[in-house]
Structures are given as structure tokens and as C-alpha cells.
Amino acid sequence: RTSSGMADGSGICRGFGKPGVLYHISHVGKRAFSLGGFSEKGGENPLKTILETERLLLREMEEGDYEGLCRMLRDPEVMYAYEHAFTEEEAWAWLYNQIRRYKEEGFGLWAVILKETGDMIGQCGLTMQPYGEKRVVEVGYLFQKSYWHKGYATEAAIACKNHAFYALDIPVVYSIIRDQNEASQHVAERNGMKRVDKIVKHYYGMDMPHWVYRADRPVQ
């Protein structure tokens, strides 16, 4: 259950997320936000760690994450909604695009780290996407196949939605999902989103129908 809440002067945000849990906000820019505990590492890059959930840590990606990223982007089964596995050049371009987003937009797709092992198992975050005549904030997620059907995508997506609502003050978020990608649609539904539209994206020389899901921040 998710309900709204605001931070008090101590940096502790009360009243949303899991009942009885204190959510700590770092005020070193809007990007550093942690669910379930204070996760900012400080030191060399205090904004690197963005979110923490019960099982996961979400942090900014860097060049050293290329190999882990390729376990998703270069796997044809993971990338079936894109109709092709990425080349090495496309994977590097994807990585550098996220780094650009962090700097220019304040968010992007973040590396999802399984706390139990320290392994990068996926990516999840917020990106600006075209929708009609406007650009909207999308909750996006992509995970290695061996970590499908374990609830990780839903756990990370919920955290990113709440981060948008309560740390970044974004009142509406979307997920725009390929019509045949039922697994990602189920994640959107478990993230409290409703299907509101259907559009066609033109990618890789093909017309690809997509469902549009939307979630609004609860009225306080």
C-alpha cells in the first residue's frame, strides 16, 4: 500500500510506503533518495546510490557496468520487445545515454544491484519519453532473464515511482510497453498503473504497437 508523505526538517519522510518504516532523504540534490534506510555512500560520488529497497540497491551506472549491461542488452530473449539484441556499439551508446541523462535530466535508468550478492541483475529508473505532442516521465525496467519472475522488477519499479512522486515532485508517471510484452504489463499493473492509451512506435524500421500505462500521485 502506498500513501503520500512529506519530509520533515530531519530529512525523514513519513507517511508513505510501508507503514512503520522511515524513509530517509538526502538533501545533496534531489537525486539522492533511499527507501528503507540511508544509502548515500558519500566520499567519491555521494549521488551514485539513488534508492534502496528490501532486496535491491539502485545506483547510477558507469563504464565498469558495461559487461553487466550486456547480459541484458545483448541477450535476444531479454530484448525480444526490441526485435533484436544490441551490438557492442549500441550497448555502449545505451550506457553513455544513461550517463548523459544523469547529468542533464537528474535521472535515468539505474543499475539494479542484488544486495545479497552485490551483482547487477537489471536496470530500472526514470527517463523522459515522447508521448503524443509532449514528453513524459517513464518508469522503465529491464532485467537479466535468470532474475525474471522473482518480483525484482516490481520492487524496483515501485521504488522508482515513489521516488518520482515524493523526491522529485513529479505528479504523473508512465510506462510505455510493447503490446506483446505481457510480463512488463503485469509489472506496470502491480505498480498501480492503469492502461490509458495505445500508440505505435517506429523503431528499427518497424511499426511497434505499445500500451501506455499511467499512475498519478495520490492526492494528499
C-alpha atoms as a PDB file:
ATOM      1  CA  ARG A   1       0.000   0.000   0.000  1.00  0.00           C
ATOM      2  CA  THR A   2       1.293   3.433  -0.935  1.00  0.00           C
ATOM      3  CA  SER A   3       0.227   6.712   0.608  1.00  0.00           C
ATOM      4  CA  SER A   4       1.600  10.193   0.361  1.00  0.00           C
ATOM      5  CA  GLY A   5       4.006  11.878   2.751  1.00  0.00           C
ATOM      6  CA  MET A   6       6.433  14.773   3.104  1.00  0.00           C
ATOM      7  CA  ALA A   7       9.847  15.163   4.670  1.00  0.00           C
ATOM      8  CA  ASP A   8      10.281  16.991   7.935  1.00  0.00           C
ATOM      9  CA  GLY A   9      13.337  19.044   8.851  1.00  0.00           C
ATOM     10  CA  SER A  10      15.284  15.982   9.937  1.00  0.00           C
ATOM     11  CA  GLY A  11      15.270  14.562   6.424  1.00  0.00           C
ATOM     12  CA  ILE A  12      12.973  11.724   7.449  1.00  0.00           C
ATOM     13  CA  CYS A  13       9.988  11.257   5.200  1.00  0.00           C
ATOM     14  CA  ARG A  14       6.954   9.854   6.966  1.00  0.00           C
ATOM     15  CA  GLY A  15       3.595   8.592   5.814  1.00  0.00           C
ATOM     16  CA  PHE A  16       4.228   6.841   2.507  1.00  0.00           C
ATOM     17  CA  GLY A  17       5.467   3.423   1.504  1.00  0.00           C
ATOM     18  CA  LYS A  18       5.442   0.620   4.057  1.00  0.00           C
ATOM     19  CA  PRO A  19       3.666   1.509   7.306  1.00  0.00           C
ATOM     20  CA  GLY A  20       6.058   1.979  10.189  1.00  0.00           C
ATOM     21  CA  VAL A  21       9.148   2.398   8.005  1.00  0.00           C
ATOM     22  CA  LEU A  22      11.114   5.628   7.987  1.00  0.00           C
ATOM     23  CA  TYR A  23      12.300   6.809   4.596  1.00  0.00           C
ATOM     24  CA  HIS A  24      15.420   8.943   4.593  1.00  0.00           C
ATOM     25  CA  ILE A  25      16.045  11.675   2.057  1.00  0.00           C
ATOM     26  CA  SER A  26      19.478  13.074   1.356  1.00  0.00           C
ATOM     27  CA  HIS A  27      19.324  16.743   0.506  1.00  0.00           C
ATOM     28  CA  VAL A  28      22.500  16.701  -1.613  1.00  0.00           C
ATOM     29  CA  GLY A  29      20.411  17.366  -4.712  1.00  0.00           C
ATOM     30  CA  LYS A  30      17.071  15.759  -5.455  1.00  0.00           C
ATOM     31  CA  ARG A  31      18.571  12.613  -6.926  1.00  0.00           C
ATOM     32  CA  ALA A  32      19.897  11.026  -3.750  1.00  0.00           C
ATOM     33  CA  PHE A  33      16.920   9.274  -2.156  1.00  0.00           C
ATOM     34  CA  SER A  34      16.711   6.000  -0.286  1.00  0.00           C
ATOM     35  CA  LEU A  35      13.804   3.737   0.589  1.00  0.00           C
ATOM     36  CA  GLY A  36      14.154   1.776   3.794  1.00  0.00           C
ATOM     37  CA  GLY A  37      17.366   3.407   5.024  1.00  0.00           C
ATOM     38  CA  PHE A  38      20.032   5.987   4.408  1.00  0.00           C
ATOM     39  CA  SER A  39      22.047   4.658   1.472  1.00  0.00           C
ATOM     40  CA  GLU A  40      24.228   7.538   0.411  1.00  0.00           C
ATOM     41  CA  LYS A  41      27.824   6.345   0.411  1.00  0.00           C
ATOM     42  CA  GLY A  42      29.433   9.774   0.406  1.00  0.00           C
ATOM     43  CA  GLY A  43      33.092  10.165  -0.465  1.00  0.00           C
ATOM     44  CA  GLU A  44      33.993   9.946  -4.130  1.00  0.00           C
ATOM     45  CA  ASN A  45      30.476  10.133  -5.577  1.00  0.00           C
ATOM     46  CA  PRO A  46      27.744  10.865  -2.999  1.00  0.00           C
ATOM     47  CA  LEU A  47      24.995  10.840  -5.649  1.00  0.00           C
ATOM     48  CA  LYS A  48      25.883   7.438  -7.060  1.00  0.00           C
ATOM     49  CA  THR A  49      23.457   5.478  -4.882  1.00  0.00           C
ATOM     50  CA  ILE A  50      19.874   6.539  -5.572  1.00  0.00           C
ATOM     51  CA  LEU A  51      17.477   4.062  -3.950  1.00  0.00           C
ATOM     52  CA  GLU A  52      17.445   1.115  -1.613  1.00  0.00           C
ATOM     53  CA  THR A  53      14.647  -1.418  -1.159  1.00  0.00           C
ATOM     54  CA  GLU A  54      14.408  -4.563   0.927  1.00  0.00           C
ATOM     55  CA  ARG A  55      16.423  -6.647  -1.535  1.00  0.00           C
ATOM     56  CA  LEU A  56      17.830  -4.162  -4.036  1.00  0.00           C
ATOM     57  CA  LEU A  57      20.120  -1.192  -4.409  1.00  0.00           C
ATOM     58  CA  LEU A  58      19.703   1.201  -7.338  1.00  0.00           C
ATOM     59  CA  ARG A  59      22.689   3.294  -8.331  1.00  0.00           C
ATOM     60  CA  GLU A  60      23.979   5.250 -11.283  1.00  0.00           C
ATOM     61  CA  MET A  61      25.702   3.218 -13.968  1.00  0.00           C
ATOM     62  CA  GLU A  62      29.295   3.807 -15.001  1.00  0.00           C
ATOM     63  CA  GLU A  63      31.625   2.445 -17.662  1.00  0.00           C
ATOM     64  CA  GLY A  64      32.549  -0.512 -15.466  1.00  0.00           C
ATOM     65  CA  ASP A  65      28.943  -1.751 -15.718  1.00  0.00           C
ATOM     66  CA  TYR A  66      29.240  -2.448 -19.451  1.00  0.00           C
ATOM     67  CA  GLU A  67      29.669  -6.209 -19.055  1.00  0.00           C
ATOM     68  CA  GLY A  68      26.703  -6.492 -16.714  1.00  0.00           C
ATOM     69  CA  LEU A  69      24.627  -4.341 -19.034  1.00  0.00           C
ATOM     70  CA  CYS A  70      25.453  -6.602 -21.965  1.00  0.00           C
ATOM     71  CA  ARG A  71      23.963  -9.569 -20.119  1.00  0.00           C
ATOM     72  CA  MET A  72      20.657  -7.823 -20.791  1.00  0.00           C
ATOM     73  CA  LEU A  73      21.117  -5.774 -23.943  1.00  0.00           C
ATOM     74  CA  ARG A  74      22.911  -8.485 -25.927  1.00  0.00           C
ATOM     75  CA  ASP A  75      20.547 -11.299 -24.944  1.00  0.00           C
ATOM     76  CA  PRO A  76      17.947 -11.864 -27.717  1.00  0.00           C
ATOM     77  CA  GLU A  77      15.410 -13.275 -25.253  1.00  0.00           C
ATOM     78  CA  VAL A  78      15.653 -10.256 -22.961  1.00  0.00           C
ATOM     79  CA  MET A  79      15.496  -7.872 -25.920  1.00  0.00           C
ATOM     80  CA  TYR A  80      12.649  -9.543 -27.788  1.00  0.00           C
ATOM     81  CA  ALA A  81      10.452  -6.470 -27.440  1.00  0.00           C
ATOM     82  CA  TYR A  82      13.133  -4.527 -29.351  1.00  0.00           C
ATOM     83  CA  GLU A  83      13.191  -7.226 -32.047  1.00  0.00           C
ATOM     84  CA  HIS A  84      16.982  -7.595 -31.825  1.00  0.00           C
ATOM     85  CA  ALA A  85      19.868  -7.978 -29.428  1.00  0.00           C
ATOM     86  CA  PHE A  86      22.115  -4.936 -29.302  1.00  0.00           C
ATOM     87  CA  THR A  87      25.532  -4.775 -30.901  1.00  0.00           C
ATOM     88  CA  GLU A  88      28.533  -3.745 -28.805  1.00  0.00           C
ATOM     89  CA  GLU A  89      28.248  -0.227 -30.222  1.00  0.00           C
ATOM     90  CA  GLU A  90      24.548   0.003 -29.375  1.00  0.00           C
ATOM     91  CA  ALA A  91      25.197  -1.219 -25.832  1.00  0.00           C
ATOM     92  CA  TRP A  92      27.912   1.426 -25.302  1.00  0.00           C
ATOM     93  CA  ALA A  93      25.569   4.094 -26.727  1.00  0.00           C
ATOM     94  CA  TRP A  94      22.844   2.959 -24.292  1.00  0.00           C
ATOM     95  CA  LEU A  95      25.242   3.207 -21.347  1.00  0.00           C
ATOM     96  CA  TYR A  96      26.531   6.646 -22.299  1.00  0.00           C
ATOM     97  CA  ASN A  97      22.978   7.850 -22.847  1.00  0.00           C
ATOM     98  CA  GLN A  98      22.150   6.994 -19.225  1.00  0.00           C
ATOM     99  CA  ILE A  99      25.240   8.871 -18.008  1.00  0.00           C
ATOM    100  CA  ARG A 100      24.131  11.851 -20.100  1.00  0.00           C
ATOM    101  CA  ARG A 101      20.653  11.637 -18.582  1.00  0.00           C
ATOM    102  CA  TYR A 102      22.036  11.712 -15.030  1.00  0.00           C
ATOM    103  CA  LYS A 103      23.881  14.931 -15.802  1.00  0.00           C
ATOM    104  CA  GLU A 104      21.262  16.681 -17.928  1.00  0.00           C
ATOM    105  CA  GLU A 105      17.943  15.449 -16.523  1.00  0.00           C
ATOM    106  CA  GLY A 106      18.837  14.375 -12.989  1.00  0.00           C
ATOM    107  CA  PHE A 107      17.707  10.780 -13.518  1.00  0.00           C
ATOM    108  CA  GLY A 108      17.885   7.881 -15.950  1.00  0.00           C
ATOM    109  CA  LEU A 109      17.942   4.110 -15.889  1.00  0.00           C
ATOM    110  CA  TRP A 110      19.920   2.957 -12.842  1.00  0.00           C
ATOM    111  CA  ALA A 111      21.803  -0.272 -12.223  1.00  0.00           C
ATOM    112  CA  VAL A 112      19.810  -2.662 -10.037  1.00  0.00           C
ATOM    113  CA  ILE A 113      22.104  -4.456  -7.588  1.00  0.00           C
ATOM    114  CA  LEU A 114      21.012  -7.535  -5.655  1.00  0.00           C
ATOM    115  CA  LYS A 115      22.128  -6.729  -2.120  1.00  0.00           C
ATOM    116  CA  GLU A 116      22.582 -10.388  -1.181  1.00  0.00           C
ATOM    117  CA  THR A 117      25.306 -10.922  -3.797  1.00  0.00           C
ATOM    118  CA  GLY A 118      26.343  -7.466  -4.987  1.00  0.00           C
ATOM    119  CA  ASP A 119      25.586  -8.489  -8.594  1.00  0.00           C
ATOM    120  CA  MET A 120      23.992  -6.211 -11.177  1.00  0.00           C
ATOM    121  CA  ILE A 121      20.797  -8.037 -12.156  1.00  0.00           C
ATOM    122  CA  GLY A 122      18.940  -5.388 -14.123  1.00  0.00           C
ATOM    123  CA  GLN A 123      18.242  -1.752 -14.711  1.00  0.00           C
ATOM    124  CA  CYS A 124      15.300   0.355 -13.642  1.00  0.00           C
ATOM    125  CA  GLY A 125      14.664   4.061 -13.414  1.00  0.00           C
ATOM    126  CA  LEU A 126      13.080   7.182 -14.842  1.00  0.00           C
ATOM    127  CA  THR A 127      13.510   8.549 -18.362  1.00  0.00           C
ATOM    128  CA  MET A 128      11.931  11.248 -20.498  1.00  0.00           C
ATOM    129  CA  GLN A 129       9.959   9.729 -23.378  1.00  0.00           C
ATOM    130  CA  PRO A 130       7.865  11.206 -26.196  1.00  0.00           C
ATOM    131  CA  TYR A 131       4.117  10.674 -25.890  1.00  0.00           C
ATOM    132  CA  GLY A 132       1.944  12.486 -28.395  1.00  0.00           C
ATOM    133  CA  GLU A 133       2.986  16.123 -28.516  1.00  0.00           C
ATOM    134  CA  LYS A 134       4.710  16.088 -25.118  1.00  0.00           C
ATOM    135  CA  ARG A 135       7.500  14.399 -23.202  1.00  0.00           C
ATOM    136  CA  VAL A 136       6.611  12.406 -20.113  1.00  0.00           C
ATOM    137  CA  VAL A 137       8.489  10.680 -17.300  1.00  0.00           C
ATOM    138  CA  GLU A 138       8.516   6.933 -17.764  1.00  0.00           C
ATOM    139  CA  VAL A 139       9.255   4.197 -15.235  1.00  0.00           C
ATOM    140  CA  GLY A 140      11.321   1.703 -17.233  1.00  0.00           C
ATOM    141  CA  TYR A 141      12.835  -1.660 -16.306  1.00  0.00           C
ATOM    142  CA  LEU A 142      14.873  -4.440 -17.898  1.00  0.00           C
ATOM    143  CA  PHE A 143      16.283  -7.487 -16.086  1.00  0.00           C
ATOM    144  CA  GLN A 144      18.505 -10.446 -16.827  1.00  0.00           C
ATOM    145  CA  LYS A 145      16.442 -13.476 -17.736  1.00  0.00           C
ATOM    146  CA  SER A 146      17.738 -15.539 -14.801  1.00  0.00           C
ATOM    147  CA  TYR A 147      16.133 -12.992 -12.435  1.00  0.00           C
ATOM    148  CA  TRP A 148      12.700 -12.912 -14.045  1.00  0.00           C
ATOM    149  CA  HIS A 149       9.584 -13.939 -12.068  1.00  0.00           C
ATOM    150  CA  LYS A 150      11.121 -13.178  -8.668  1.00  0.00           C
ATOM    151  CA  GLY A 151       9.421  -9.839  -8.021  1.00  0.00           C
ATOM    152  CA  TYR A 152      12.562  -7.767  -8.520  1.00  0.00           C
ATOM    153  CA  ALA A 153      11.166  -5.660 -11.368  1.00  0.00           C
ATOM    154  CA  THR A 154       8.041  -4.796  -9.386  1.00  0.00           C
ATOM    155  CA  GLU A 155      10.069  -3.975  -6.266  1.00  0.00           C
ATOM    156  CA  ALA A 156      12.370  -1.651  -8.204  1.00  0.00           C
ATOM    157  CA  ALA A 157       9.565  -0.074 -10.254  1.00  0.00           C
ATOM    158  CA  ILE A 158       7.515   0.802  -7.167  1.00  0.00           C
ATOM    159  CA  ALA A 159      10.563   2.447  -5.598  1.00  0.00           C
ATOM    160  CA  CYS A 160      11.195   4.483  -8.754  1.00  0.00           C
ATOM    161  CA  LYS A 161       7.568   5.592  -8.939  1.00  0.00           C
ATOM    162  CA  ASN A 162       7.649   6.766  -5.318  1.00  0.00           C
ATOM    163  CA  HIS A 163      10.989   8.465  -5.937  1.00  0.00           C
ATOM    164  CA  ALA A 164       9.392  10.418  -8.782  1.00  0.00           C
ATOM    165  CA  PHE A 165       6.319  11.324  -6.720  1.00  0.00           C
ATOM    166  CA  TYR A 166       7.894  12.265  -3.409  1.00  0.00           C
ATOM    167  CA  ALA A 167      11.559  13.097  -4.003  1.00  0.00           C
ATOM    168  CA  LEU A 168      11.367  14.714  -7.437  1.00  0.00           C
ATOM    169  CA  ASP A 169       7.826  16.135  -7.106  1.00  0.00           C
ATOM    170  CA  ILE A 170       6.685  14.610 -10.401  1.00  0.00           C
ATOM    171  CA  PRO A 171       2.898  14.163 -10.171  1.00  0.00           C
ATOM    172  CA  VAL A 172       2.375  11.700 -13.048  1.00  0.00           C
ATOM    173  CA  VAL A 173       4.494   8.829 -14.381  1.00  0.00           C
ATOM    174  CA  TYR A 174       4.003   6.461 -17.288  1.00  0.00           C
ATOM    175  CA  SER A 175       5.201   3.101 -18.559  1.00  0.00           C
ATOM    176  CA  ILE A 176       5.028   2.628 -22.339  1.00  0.00           C
ATOM    177  CA  ILE A 177       5.197  -1.085 -23.086  1.00  0.00           C
ATOM    178  CA  ARG A 178       5.234  -3.214 -26.229  1.00  0.00           C
ATOM    179  CA  ASP A 179       1.810  -4.771 -26.716  1.00  0.00           C
ATOM    180  CA  GLN A 180       3.197  -8.313 -26.724  1.00  0.00           C
ATOM    181  CA  ASN A 181       5.264  -7.845 -23.561  1.00  0.00           C
ATOM    182  CA  GLU A 182       2.756  -9.193 -21.063  1.00  0.00           C
ATOM    183  CA  ALA A 183       5.315  -9.648 -18.273  1.00  0.00           C
ATOM    184  CA  SER A 184       6.189  -5.936 -18.262  1.00  0.00           C
ATOM    185  CA  GLN A 185       2.493  -5.056 -18.439  1.00  0.00           C
ATOM    186  CA  HIS A 186       1.891  -7.101 -15.283  1.00  0.00           C
ATOM    187  CA  VAL A 187       4.723  -5.210 -13.552  1.00  0.00           C
ATOM    188  CA  ALA A 188       3.069  -1.909 -14.500  1.00  0.00           C
ATOM    189  CA  GLU A 189      -0.249  -3.108 -13.096  1.00  0.00           C
ATOM    190  CA  ARG A 190       1.398  -4.228  -9.845  1.00  0.00           C
ATOM    191  CA  ASN A 191       2.956  -0.767  -9.753  1.00  0.00           C
ATOM    192  CA  GLY A 192      -0.524   0.733  -9.503  1.00  0.00           C
ATOM    193  CA  MET A 193      -0.701   1.862 -13.118  1.00  0.00           C
ATOM    194  CA  LYS A 194      -3.756   1.892 -15.363  1.00  0.00           C
ATOM    195  CA  ARG A 195      -3.802   1.308 -19.117  1.00  0.00           C
ATOM    196  CA  VAL A 196      -4.860   4.580 -20.733  1.00  0.00           C
ATOM    197  CA  ASP A 197      -3.855   4.523 -24.398  1.00  0.00           C
ATOM    198  CA  LYS A 198      -2.315   2.610 -27.284  1.00  0.00           C
ATOM    199  CA  ILE A 199       0.296   4.114 -29.610  1.00  0.00           C
ATOM    200  CA  VAL A 200       2.608   2.945 -32.374  1.00  0.00           C
ATOM    201  CA  LYS A 201       6.348   3.497 -32.129  1.00  0.00           C
ATOM    202  CA  HIS A 202       8.587   3.338 -35.184  1.00  0.00           C
ATOM    203  CA  TYR A 203      11.818   1.563 -34.337  1.00  0.00           C
ATOM    204  CA  TYR A 204      14.402  -0.411 -36.292  1.00  0.00           C
ATOM    205  CA  GLY A 205      12.348   0.008 -39.468  1.00  0.00           C
ATOM    206  CA  MET A 206       9.208  -1.475 -37.913  1.00  0.00           C
ATOM    207  CA  ASP A 207       5.896  -0.272 -36.537  1.00  0.00           C
ATOM    208  CA  MET A 208       5.603  -1.466 -32.928  1.00  0.00           C
ATOM    209  CA  PRO A 209       2.282  -1.075 -31.059  1.00  0.00           C
ATOM    210  CA  HIS A 210       2.671  -0.091 -27.394  1.00  0.00           C
ATOM    211  CA  TRP A 211       0.269   0.153 -24.474  1.00  0.00           C
ATOM    212  CA  VAL A 212       0.506   3.309 -22.362  1.00  0.00           C
ATOM    213  CA  TYR A 213       0.165   2.915 -18.590  1.00  0.00           C
ATOM    214  CA  ARG A 214      -0.191   5.832 -16.195  1.00  0.00           C
ATOM    215  CA  ALA A 215      -0.035   6.416 -12.442  1.00  0.00           C
ATOM    216  CA  ASP A 216      -0.925   9.675 -10.645  1.00  0.00           C
ATOM    217  CA  ARG A 217       0.442  10.712  -7.300  1.00  0.00           C
ATOM    218  CA  PRO A 218      -2.253  10.239  -4.656  1.00  0.00           C
ATOM    219  CA  VAL A 219      -3.974  13.448  -3.565  1.00  0.00           C
ATOM    220  CA  GLN A 220      -2.990  14.342  -0.040  1.00  0.00           C
END
